[in-house]
Amino acid sequence: MGIDDKIENKAEEMKGEGKETIGRATDDEELVAEGQMDQAKGNIKQAGEKIKDIFKK
């Protein structure tokens, strides 16, 4: 997994966490859901990269 990929995936997760937090603070359920989706996408991408790393070894 390249360092750039790690940074991008973590940034997506953090962006999602921020959206979720703001959504909860403002009672915006749509923003909460969007934040959770961003976090899930980041997690899935990281898992895919980790699998690639395993097969490279």
PDB file of N, CA and C in Angstrom:
ATOM      1  N   MET A   1       0.854  -1.161   0.000  1.00  0.00           N
ATOM      2  CA  MET A   1       0.000   0.000   0.000  1.00  0.00           C
ATOM      3  C   MET A   1       0.899   1.223   0.000  1.00  0.00           C
ATOM      4  N   GLY A   2       0.680   2.103  -0.953  1.00  0.00           N
ATOM      5  CA  GLY A   2       1.469   3.312  -1.017  1.00  0.00           C
ATOM      6  C   GLY A   2       1.070   4.294   0.062  1.00  0.00           C
ATOM      7  N   ILE A   3       2.014   5.097   0.463  1.00  0.00           N
ATOM      8  CA  ILE A   3       1.740   6.086   1.511  1.00  0.00           C
ATOM      9  C   ILE A   3       0.668   7.076   1.063  1.00  0.00           C
ATOM     10  N   ASP A   4       0.661   7.395  -0.238  1.00  0.00           N
ATOM     11  CA  ASP A   4      -0.362   8.307  -0.753  1.00  0.00           C
ATOM     12  C   ASP A   4      -1.756   7.721  -0.590  1.00  0.00           C
ATOM     13  N   ASP A   5      -1.890   6.421  -0.864  1.00  0.00           N
ATOM     14  CA  ASP A   5      -3.180   5.754  -0.710  1.00  0.00           C
ATOM     15  C   ASP A   5      -3.627   5.756   0.748  1.00  0.00           C
ATOM     16  N   LYS A   6      -2.677   5.490   1.642  1.00  0.00           N
ATOM     17  CA  LYS A   6      -2.998   5.473   3.066  1.00  0.00           C
ATOM     18  C   LYS A   6      -3.517   6.838   3.509  1.00  0.00           C
ATOM     19  N   ILE A   7      -2.851   7.885   3.060  1.00  0.00           N
ATOM     20  CA  ILE A   7      -3.237   9.250   3.444  1.00  0.00           C
ATOM     21  C   ILE A   7      -4.613   9.586   2.888  1.00  0.00           C
ATOM     22  N   GLU A   8      -4.840   9.261   1.624  1.00  0.00           N
ATOM     23  CA  GLU A   8      -6.140   9.552   1.008  1.00  0.00           C
ATOM     24  C   GLU A   8      -7.270   8.806   1.707  1.00  0.00           C
ATOM     25  N   ASN A   9      -7.057   7.533   2.003  1.00  0.00           N
ATOM     26  CA  ASN A   9      -8.097   6.737   2.661  1.00  0.00           C
ATOM     27  C   ASN A   9      -8.372   7.246   4.074  1.00  0.00           C
ATOM     28  N   LYS A  10      -7.326   7.605   4.795  1.00  0.00           N
ATOM     29  CA  LYS A  10      -7.506   8.131   6.148  1.00  0.00           C
ATOM     30  C   LYS A  10      -8.209   9.480   6.106  1.00  0.00           C
ATOM     31  N   ALA A  11      -7.863  10.301   5.108  1.00  0.00           N
ATOM     32  CA  ALA A  11      -8.507  11.606   4.963  1.00  0.00           C
ATOM     33  C   ALA A  11      -9.995  11.437   4.690  1.00  0.00           C
ATOM     34  N   GLU A  12     -10.347  10.448   3.889  1.00  0.00           N
ATOM     35  CA  GLU A  12     -11.759  10.205   3.601  1.00  0.00           C
ATOM     36  C   GLU A  12     -12.495   9.779   4.870  1.00  0.00           C
ATOM     37  N   GLU A  13     -11.858   8.931   5.661  1.00  0.00           N
ATOM     38  CA  GLU A  13     -12.460   8.516   6.929  1.00  0.00           C
ATOM     39  C   GLU A  13     -12.665   9.709   7.857  1.00  0.00           C
ATOM     40  N   MET A  14     -11.641  10.549   7.967  1.00  0.00           N
ATOM     41  CA  MET A  14     -11.722  11.706   8.861  1.00  0.00           C
ATOM     42  C   MET A  14     -12.778  12.701   8.384  1.00  0.00           C
ATOM     43  N   LYS A  15     -12.872  12.884   7.075  1.00  0.00           N
ATOM     44  CA  LYS A  15     -13.899  13.765   6.512  1.00  0.00           C
ATOM     45  C   LYS A  15     -15.272  13.235   6.896  1.00  0.00           C
ATOM     46  N   GLY A  16     -15.433  11.921   6.803  1.00  0.00           N
ATOM     47  CA  GLY A  16     -16.706  11.298   7.177  1.00  0.00           C
ATOM     48  C   GLY A  16     -17.018  11.477   8.647  1.00  0.00           C
ATOM     49  N   GLU A  17     -16.009  11.341   9.480  1.00  0.00           N
ATOM     50  CA  GLU A  17     -16.209  11.543  10.922  1.00  0.00           C
ATOM     51  C   GLU A  17     -16.657  12.969  11.206  1.00  0.00           C
ATOM     52  N   GLY A  18     -16.040  13.920  10.511  1.00  0.00           N
ATOM     53  CA  GLY A  18     -16.422  15.326  10.688  1.00  0.00           C
ATOM     54  C   GLY A  18     -17.852  15.576  10.257  1.00  0.00           C
ATOM     55  N   LYS A  19     -18.231  15.038   9.114  1.00  0.00           N
ATOM     56  CA  LYS A  19     -19.602  15.203   8.629  1.00  0.00           C
ATOM     57  C   LYS A  19     -20.595  14.593   9.608  1.00  0.00           C
ATOM     58  N   GLU A  20     -20.263  13.408  10.103  1.00  0.00           N
ATOM     59  CA  GLU A  20     -21.160  12.739  11.041  1.00  0.00           C
ATOM     60  C   GLU A  20     -21.320  13.564  12.315  1.00  0.00           C
ATOM     61  N   THR A  21     -20.219  14.081  12.831  1.00  0.00           N
ATOM     62  CA  THR A  21     -20.264  14.884  14.054  1.00  0.00           C
ATOM     63  C   THR A  21     -21.095  16.144  13.856  1.00  0.00           C
ATOM     64  N   ILE A  22     -20.866  16.838  12.758  1.00  0.00           N
ATOM     65  CA  ILE A  22     -21.631  18.057  12.472  1.00  0.00           C
ATOM     66  C   ILE A  22     -23.101  17.726  12.271  1.00  0.00           C
ATOM     67  N   GLY A  23     -23.365  16.632  11.570  1.00  0.00           N
ATOM     68  CA  GLY A  23     -24.748  16.217  11.351  1.00  0.00           C
ATOM     69  C   GLY A  23     -25.471  15.927  12.654  1.00  0.00           C
ATOM     70  N   ARG A  24     -24.787  15.262  13.572  1.00  0.00           N
ATOM     71  CA  ARG A  24     -25.409  14.963  14.874  1.00  0.00           C
ATOM     72  C   ARG A  24     -25.642  16.254  15.670  1.00  0.00           C
ATOM     73  N   ALA A  25     -24.695  17.186  15.586  1.00  0.00           N
ATOM     74  CA  ALA A  25     -24.817  18.444  16.335  1.00  0.00           C
ATOM     75  C   ALA A  25     -25.956  19.311  15.803  1.00  0.00           C
ATOM     76  N   THR A  26     -26.234  19.181  14.519  1.00  0.00           N
ATOM     77  CA  THR A  26     -27.272  20.020  13.909  1.00  0.00           C
ATOM     78  C   THR A  26     -28.544  19.231  13.602  1.00  0.00           C
ATOM     79  N   ASP A  27     -28.631  18.004  14.073  1.00  0.00           N
ATOM     80  CA  ASP A  27     -29.774  17.121  13.818  1.00  0.00           C
ATOM     81  C   ASP A  27     -30.058  16.954  12.333  1.00  0.00           C
ATOM     82  N   ASP A  28     -28.986  16.861  11.550  1.00  0.00           N
ATOM     83  CA  ASP A  28     -29.098  16.667  10.103  1.00  0.00           C
ATOM     84  C   ASP A  28     -28.798  15.201   9.800  1.00  0.00           C
ATOM     85  N   GLU A  29     -29.849  14.387   9.748  1.00  0.00           N
ATOM     86  CA  GLU A  29     -29.681  12.946   9.553  1.00  0.00           C
ATOM     87  C   GLU A  29     -29.039  12.624   8.203  1.00  0.00           C
ATOM     88  N   GLU A  30     -29.300  13.435   7.200  1.00  0.00           N
ATOM     89  CA  GLU A  30     -28.698  13.210   5.881  1.00  0.00           C
ATOM     90  C   GLU A  30     -27.179  13.372   5.946  1.00  0.00           C
ATOM     91  N   LEU A  31     -26.729  14.379   6.660  1.00  0.00           N
ATOM     92  CA  LEU A  31     -25.300  14.609   6.804  1.00  0.00           C
ATOM     93  C   LEU A  31     -24.651  13.495   7.639  1.00  0.00           C
ATOM     94  N   VAL A  32     -25.353  13.017   8.649  1.00  0.00           N
ATOM     95  CA  VAL A  32     -24.861  11.899   9.455  1.00  0.00           C
ATOM     96  C   VAL A  32     -24.659  10.675   8.556  1.00  0.00           C
ATOM     97  N   ALA A  33     -25.664  10.378   7.737  1.00  0.00           N
ATOM     98  CA  ALA A  33     -25.579   9.212   6.846  1.00  0.00           C
ATOM     99  C   ALA A  33     -24.456   9.380   5.830  1.00  0.00           C
ATOM    100  N   GLU A  34     -24.303  10.584   5.306  1.00  0.00           N
ATOM    101  CA  GLU A  34     -23.235  10.852   4.342  1.00  0.00           C
ATOM    102  C   GLU A  34     -21.867  10.645   4.993  1.00  0.00           C
ATOM    103  N   GLY A  35     -21.728  11.108   6.217  1.00  0.00           N
ATOM    104  CA  GLY A  35     -20.477  10.931   6.948  1.00  0.00           C
ATOM    105  C   GLY A  35     -20.167   9.469   7.191  1.00  0.00           C
ATOM    106  N   GLN A  36     -21.184   8.707   7.555  1.00  0.00           N
ATOM    107  CA  GLN A  36     -20.986   7.280   7.795  1.00  0.00           C
ATOM    108  C   GLN A  36     -20.595   6.572   6.498  1.00  0.00           C
ATOM    109  N   MET A  37     -21.183   7.000   5.381  1.00  0.00           N
ATOM    110  CA  MET A  37     -20.844   6.394   4.098  1.00  0.00           C
ATOM    111  C   MET A  37     -19.402   6.707   3.719  1.00  0.00           C
ATOM    112  N   ASP A  38     -18.967   7.942   3.944  1.00  0.00           N
ATOM    113  CA  ASP A  38     -17.574   8.310   3.656  1.00  0.00           C
ATOM    114  C   ASP A  38     -16.607   7.463   4.482  1.00  0.00           C
ATOM    115  N   GLN A  39     -16.944   7.258   5.750  1.00  0.00           N
ATOM    116  CA  GLN A  39     -16.097   6.445   6.614  1.00  0.00           C
ATOM    117  C   GLN A  39     -16.028   5.001   6.109  1.00  0.00           C
ATOM    118  N   ALA A  40     -17.164   4.472   5.717  1.00  0.00           N
ATOM    119  CA  ALA A  40     -17.203   3.095   5.218  1.00  0.00           C
ATOM    120  C   ALA A  40     -16.375   2.955   3.943  1.00  0.00           C
ATOM    121  N   LYS A  41     -16.480   3.933   3.045  1.00  0.00           N
ATOM    122  CA  LYS A  41     -15.699   3.887   1.804  1.00  0.00           C
ATOM    123  C   LYS A  41     -14.200   3.879   2.112  1.00  0.00           C
ATOM    124  N   GLY A  42     -13.784   4.736   3.034  1.00  0.00           N
ATOM    125  CA  GLY A  42     -12.374   4.784   3.409  1.00  0.00           C
ATOM    126  C   GLY A  42     -11.901   3.470   3.994  1.00  0.00           C
ATOM    127  N   ASN A  43     -12.723   2.862   4.831  1.00  0.00           N
ATOM    128  CA  ASN A  43     -12.371   1.574   5.442  1.00  0.00           C
ATOM    129  C   ASN A  43     -12.265   0.472   4.391  1.00  0.00           C
ATOM    130  N   ILE A  44     -13.196   0.461   3.450  1.00  0.00           N
ATOM    131  CA  ILE A  44     -13.180  -0.559   2.402  1.00  0.00           C
ATOM    132  C   ILE A  44     -11.940  -0.412   1.528  1.00  0.00           C
ATOM    133  N   LYS A  45     -11.607   0.816   1.187  1.00  0.00           N
ATOM    134  CA  LYS A  45     -10.414   1.052   0.362  1.00  0.00           C
ATOM    135  C   LYS A  45      -9.155   0.594   1.094  1.00  0.00           C
ATOM    136  N   GLN A  46      -9.079   0.878   2.389  1.00  0.00           N
ATOM    137  CA  GLN A  46      -7.908   0.450   3.156  1.00  0.00           C
ATOM    138  C   GLN A  46      -7.822  -1.072   3.203  1.00  0.00           C
ATOM    139  N   ALA A  47      -8.957  -1.732   3.370  1.00  0.00           N
ATOM    140  CA  ALA A  47      -8.962  -3.191   3.407  1.00  0.00           C
ATOM    141  C   ALA A  47      -8.478  -3.755   2.070  1.00  0.00           C
ATOM    142  N   GLY A  48      -8.924  -3.164   0.978  1.00  0.00           N
ATOM    143  CA  GLY A  48      -8.487  -3.610  -0.341  1.00  0.00           C
ATOM    144  C   GLY A  48      -6.989  -3.441  -0.530  1.00  0.00           C
ATOM    145  N   GLU A  49      -6.461  -2.329  -0.081  1.00  0.00           N
ATOM    146  CA  GLU A  49      -5.018  -2.090  -0.192  1.00  0.00           C
ATOM    147  C   GLU A  49      -4.229  -3.074   0.663  1.00  0.00           C
ATOM    148  N   LYS A  50      -4.744  -3.404   1.838  1.00  0.00           N
ATOM    149  CA  LYS A  50      -4.063  -4.360   2.712  1.00  0.00           C
ATOM    150  C   LYS A  50      -4.025  -5.743   2.061  1.00  0.00           C
ATOM    151  N   ILE A  51      -5.109  -6.123   1.384  1.00  0.00           N
ATOM    152  CA  ILE A  51      -5.143  -7.410   0.695  1.00  0.00           C
ATOM    153  C   ILE A  51      -4.106  -7.416  -0.425  1.00  0.00           C
ATOM    154  N   LYS A  52      -4.009  -6.322  -1.154  1.00  0.00           N
ATOM    155  CA  LYS A  52      -2.999  -6.224  -2.211  1.00  0.00           C
ATOM    156  C   LYS A  52      -1.594  -6.410  -1.631  1.00  0.00           C
ATOM    157  N   ASP A  53      -1.353  -5.785  -0.479  1.00  0.00           N
ATOM    158  CA  ASP A  53      -0.041  -5.903   0.163  1.00  0.00           C
ATOM    159  C   ASP A  53       0.287  -7.350   0.536  1.00  0.00           C
ATOM    160  N   ILE A  54      -0.720  -8.075   0.998  1.00  0.00           N
ATOM    161  CA  ILE A  54      -0.506  -9.462   1.391  1.00  0.00           C
ATOM    162  C   ILE A  54      -0.067 -10.295   0.188  1.00  0.00           C
ATOM    163  N   PHE A  55      -0.706 -10.063  -0.962  1.00  0.00           N
ATOM    164  CA  PHE A  55      -0.373 -10.842  -2.143  1.00  0.00           C
ATOM    165  C   PHE A  55       0.952 -10.416  -2.777  1.00  0.00           C
ATOM    166  N   LYS A  56       1.433  -9.229  -2.461  1.00  0.00           N
ATOM    167  CA  LYS A  56       2.739  -8.776  -2.973  1.00  0.00           C
ATOM    168  C   LYS A  56       3.877  -9.491  -2.259  1.00  0.00           C
ATOM    169  N   LYS A  57       3.628  -9.930  -1.029  1.00  0.00           N
ATOM    170  CA  LYS A  57       4.679 -10.571  -0.229  1.00  0.00           C
ATOM    171  C   LYS A  57       4.896 -11.954  -0.632  1.00  0.00           C
TER     172      LYS A  57
END
